[in-house]
C-alpha atoms as a PDB file:
ATOM      1  CA  MET A   1       9.477  12.185 -47.589  1.00  0.00           C
ATOM      2  CA  LYS A   2       6.455  14.248 -47.324  1.00  0.00           C
ATOM      3  CA  LYS A   3       5.486  12.053 -44.099  1.00  0.00           C
ATOM      4  CA  ILE A   4       8.538  12.625 -42.512  1.00  0.00           C
ATOM      5  CA  THR A   5       8.276  15.882 -43.244  1.00  0.00           C
ATOM      6  CA  ARG A   6       4.699  16.461 -41.965  1.00  0.00           C
ATOM      7  CA  ILE A   7       6.377  13.873 -38.708  1.00  0.00           C
ATOM      8  CA  VAL A   8       9.161  16.504 -37.878  1.00  0.00           C
ATOM      9  CA  LEU A   9       6.580  19.757 -38.450  1.00  0.00           C
ATOM     10  CA  ILE A  10       4.313  18.547 -36.408  1.00  0.00           C
ATOM     11  CA  GLN A  11       6.556  17.707 -33.677  1.00  0.00           C
ATOM     12  CA  LEU A  12       8.154  21.487 -34.510  1.00  0.00           C
ATOM     13  CA  LEU A  13       4.834  22.748 -33.615  1.00  0.00           C
ATOM     14  CA  ILE A  14       4.242  21.239 -30.087  1.00  0.00           C
ATOM     15  CA  ILE A  15       7.080  22.380 -28.797  1.00  0.00           C
ATOM     16  CA  VAL A  16       6.886  25.717 -29.614  1.00  0.00           C
ATOM     17  CA  PHE A  17       3.096  25.646 -28.645  1.00  0.00           C
ATOM     18  CA  SER A  18       4.690  24.038 -25.955  1.00  0.00           C
ATOM     19  CA  VAL A  19       7.430  27.171 -24.969  1.00  0.00           C
ATOM     20  CA  ALA A  20       4.865  29.495 -25.587  1.00  0.00           C
ATOM     21  CA  ILE A  21       3.005  28.110 -22.581  1.00  0.00           C
ATOM     22  CA  ALA A  22       5.372  27.437 -20.172  1.00  0.00           C
ATOM     23  CA  SER A  23       7.210  30.779 -21.011  1.00  0.00           C
ATOM     24  CA  ALA A  24       3.037  32.914 -20.345  1.00  0.00           C
ATOM     25  CA  GLN A  25       2.839  31.500 -17.385  1.00  0.00           C
ATOM     26  CA  ASN A  26       3.049  33.613 -13.904  1.00  0.00           C
ATOM     27  CA  PRO A  27       5.734  33.830 -11.899  1.00  0.00           C
ATOM     28  CA  GLY A  28       3.951  32.600  -8.490  1.00  0.00           C
ATOM     29  CA  ALA A  29       3.569  34.294  -5.340  1.00  0.00           C
ATOM     30  CA  PRO A  30       5.992  35.732  -3.516  1.00  0.00           C
ATOM     31  CA  PRO A  31       8.400  34.436  -0.782  1.00  0.00           C
ATOM     32  CA  PRO A  32       6.633  34.274   2.924  1.00  0.00           C
ATOM     33  CA  PRO A  33       7.983  37.207   5.309  1.00  0.00           C
ATOM     34  CA  ASP A  34      10.172  35.094   7.017  1.00  0.00           C
ATOM     35  CA  HIS A  35      12.129  34.160   3.883  1.00  0.00           C
ATOM     36  CA  ASN A  36      15.834  35.049   5.045  1.00  0.00           C
ATOM     37  CA  SER A  37      16.991  36.645   1.051  1.00  0.00           C
ATOM     38  CA  GLU A  38      19.959  36.948   2.485  1.00  0.00           C
ATOM     39  CA  GLY A  39      21.832  33.668   1.757  1.00  0.00           C
ATOM     40  CA  THR A  40      20.961  30.617   1.951  1.00  0.00           C
ATOM     41  CA  GLN A  41      17.678  29.657   3.072  1.00  0.00           C
ATOM     42  CA  GLU A  42      16.646  26.763   5.387  1.00  0.00           C
ATOM     43  CA  GLN A  43      14.480  23.870   3.953  1.00  0.00           C
ATOM     44  CA  GLY A  44      11.440  24.317   6.524  1.00  0.00           C
ATOM     45  CA  GLY A  45      10.100  20.693   5.710  1.00  0.00           C
ATOM     46  CA  ARG A  46       8.660  21.066   2.472  1.00  0.00           C
ATOM     47  CA  GLY A  47      10.059  19.378   0.385  1.00  0.00           C
ATOM     48  CA  ALA A  48       9.790  15.584  -0.261  1.00  0.00           C
ATOM     49  CA  PRO A  49      12.440  13.445  -1.007  1.00  0.00           C
ATOM     50  CA  ILE A  50      13.155  11.911  -4.610  1.00  0.00           C
ATOM     51  CA  GLY A  51      15.573   9.546  -4.261  1.00  0.00           C
ATOM     52  CA  GLY A  52      13.159   6.219  -3.775  1.00  0.00           C
ATOM     53  CA  GLY A  53      11.208   6.441  -6.588  1.00  0.00           C
ATOM     54  CA  VAL A  54      13.137   7.827  -9.167  1.00  0.00           C
ATOM     55  CA  LEU A  55      14.891   4.424  -8.363  1.00  0.00           C
ATOM     56  CA  ILE A  56      11.637   2.517  -8.433  1.00  0.00           C
ATOM     57  CA  LEU A  57      11.492   4.118 -11.963  1.00  0.00           C
ATOM     58  CA  LEU A  58      14.367   3.280 -12.781  1.00  0.00           C
ATOM     59  CA  GLY A  59      14.153   0.066 -12.148  1.00  0.00           C
ATOM     60  CA  LEU A  60      10.014  -0.360 -13.433  1.00  0.00           C
ATOM     61  CA  GLY A  61      12.171   0.487 -16.656  1.00  0.00           C
ATOM     62  CA  GLY A  62      14.478  -1.231 -17.354  1.00  0.00           C
ATOM     63  CA  ALA A  63      12.538  -4.610 -16.310  1.00  0.00           C
ATOM     64  CA  TYR A  64      10.441  -3.393 -19.200  1.00  0.00           C
ATOM     65  CA  GLY A  65      13.150  -2.913 -21.757  1.00  0.00           C
ATOM     66  CA  ALA A  66      14.576  -6.011 -20.521  1.00  0.00           C
ATOM     67  CA  TYR A  67      10.757  -7.824 -21.309  1.00  0.00           C
ATOM     68  CA  LYS A  68      10.721  -6.301 -24.329  1.00  0.00           C
ATOM     69  CA  THR A  69      14.492  -6.908 -26.075  1.00  0.00           C
ATOM     70  CA  TYR A  70      13.949 -10.653 -24.291  1.00  0.00           C
ATOM     71  CA  ARG A  71      10.452 -10.847 -26.258  1.00  0.00           C
ATOM     72  CA  THR A  72      11.366  -9.520 -29.662  1.00  0.00           C
ATOM     73  CA  TYR A  73      14.345 -11.876 -29.459  1.00  0.00           C
ATOM     74  CA  LYS A  74      11.800 -14.308 -29.342  1.00  0.00           C
ATOM     75  CA  LYS A  75      10.552 -13.348 -32.285  1.00  0.00           C
ATOM     76  CA  VAL A  76      13.101 -13.569 -34.037  1.00  0.00           C
ATOM     77  CA  GLU A  77      14.484 -17.096 -33.350  1.00  0.00           C
ATOM     78  CA  ASN A  78      10.862 -18.346 -33.466  1.00  0.00           C
ATOM     79  CA  CYS A  79      10.134 -16.897 -37.392  1.00  0.00           C
ATOM     80  CA  MET A  80      14.457 -18.446 -37.635  1.00  0.00           C
ATOM     81  CA  LEU A  81      13.155 -21.452 -37.447  1.00  0.00           C
ATOM     82  CA  ASP A  82      10.086 -21.861 -39.214  1.00  0.00           C
END
């Protein structure tokens, strides 16, 4: 029980510390002078498409999960035969 309590307390400390650090950051630079503040704003070429990267990461994560599942299945199967 002490081990679980210690782990939970360490995780909570890390979460609180990271939130405190993130909220202490400066708001950043002001928008450029040509910034349209009356409604919708144009993208202006400052974005990066993330669709392909997300699909690659999801595919790699799924493949890794399938590999780990297969490896665990084989390990259990070998233990049952022995």
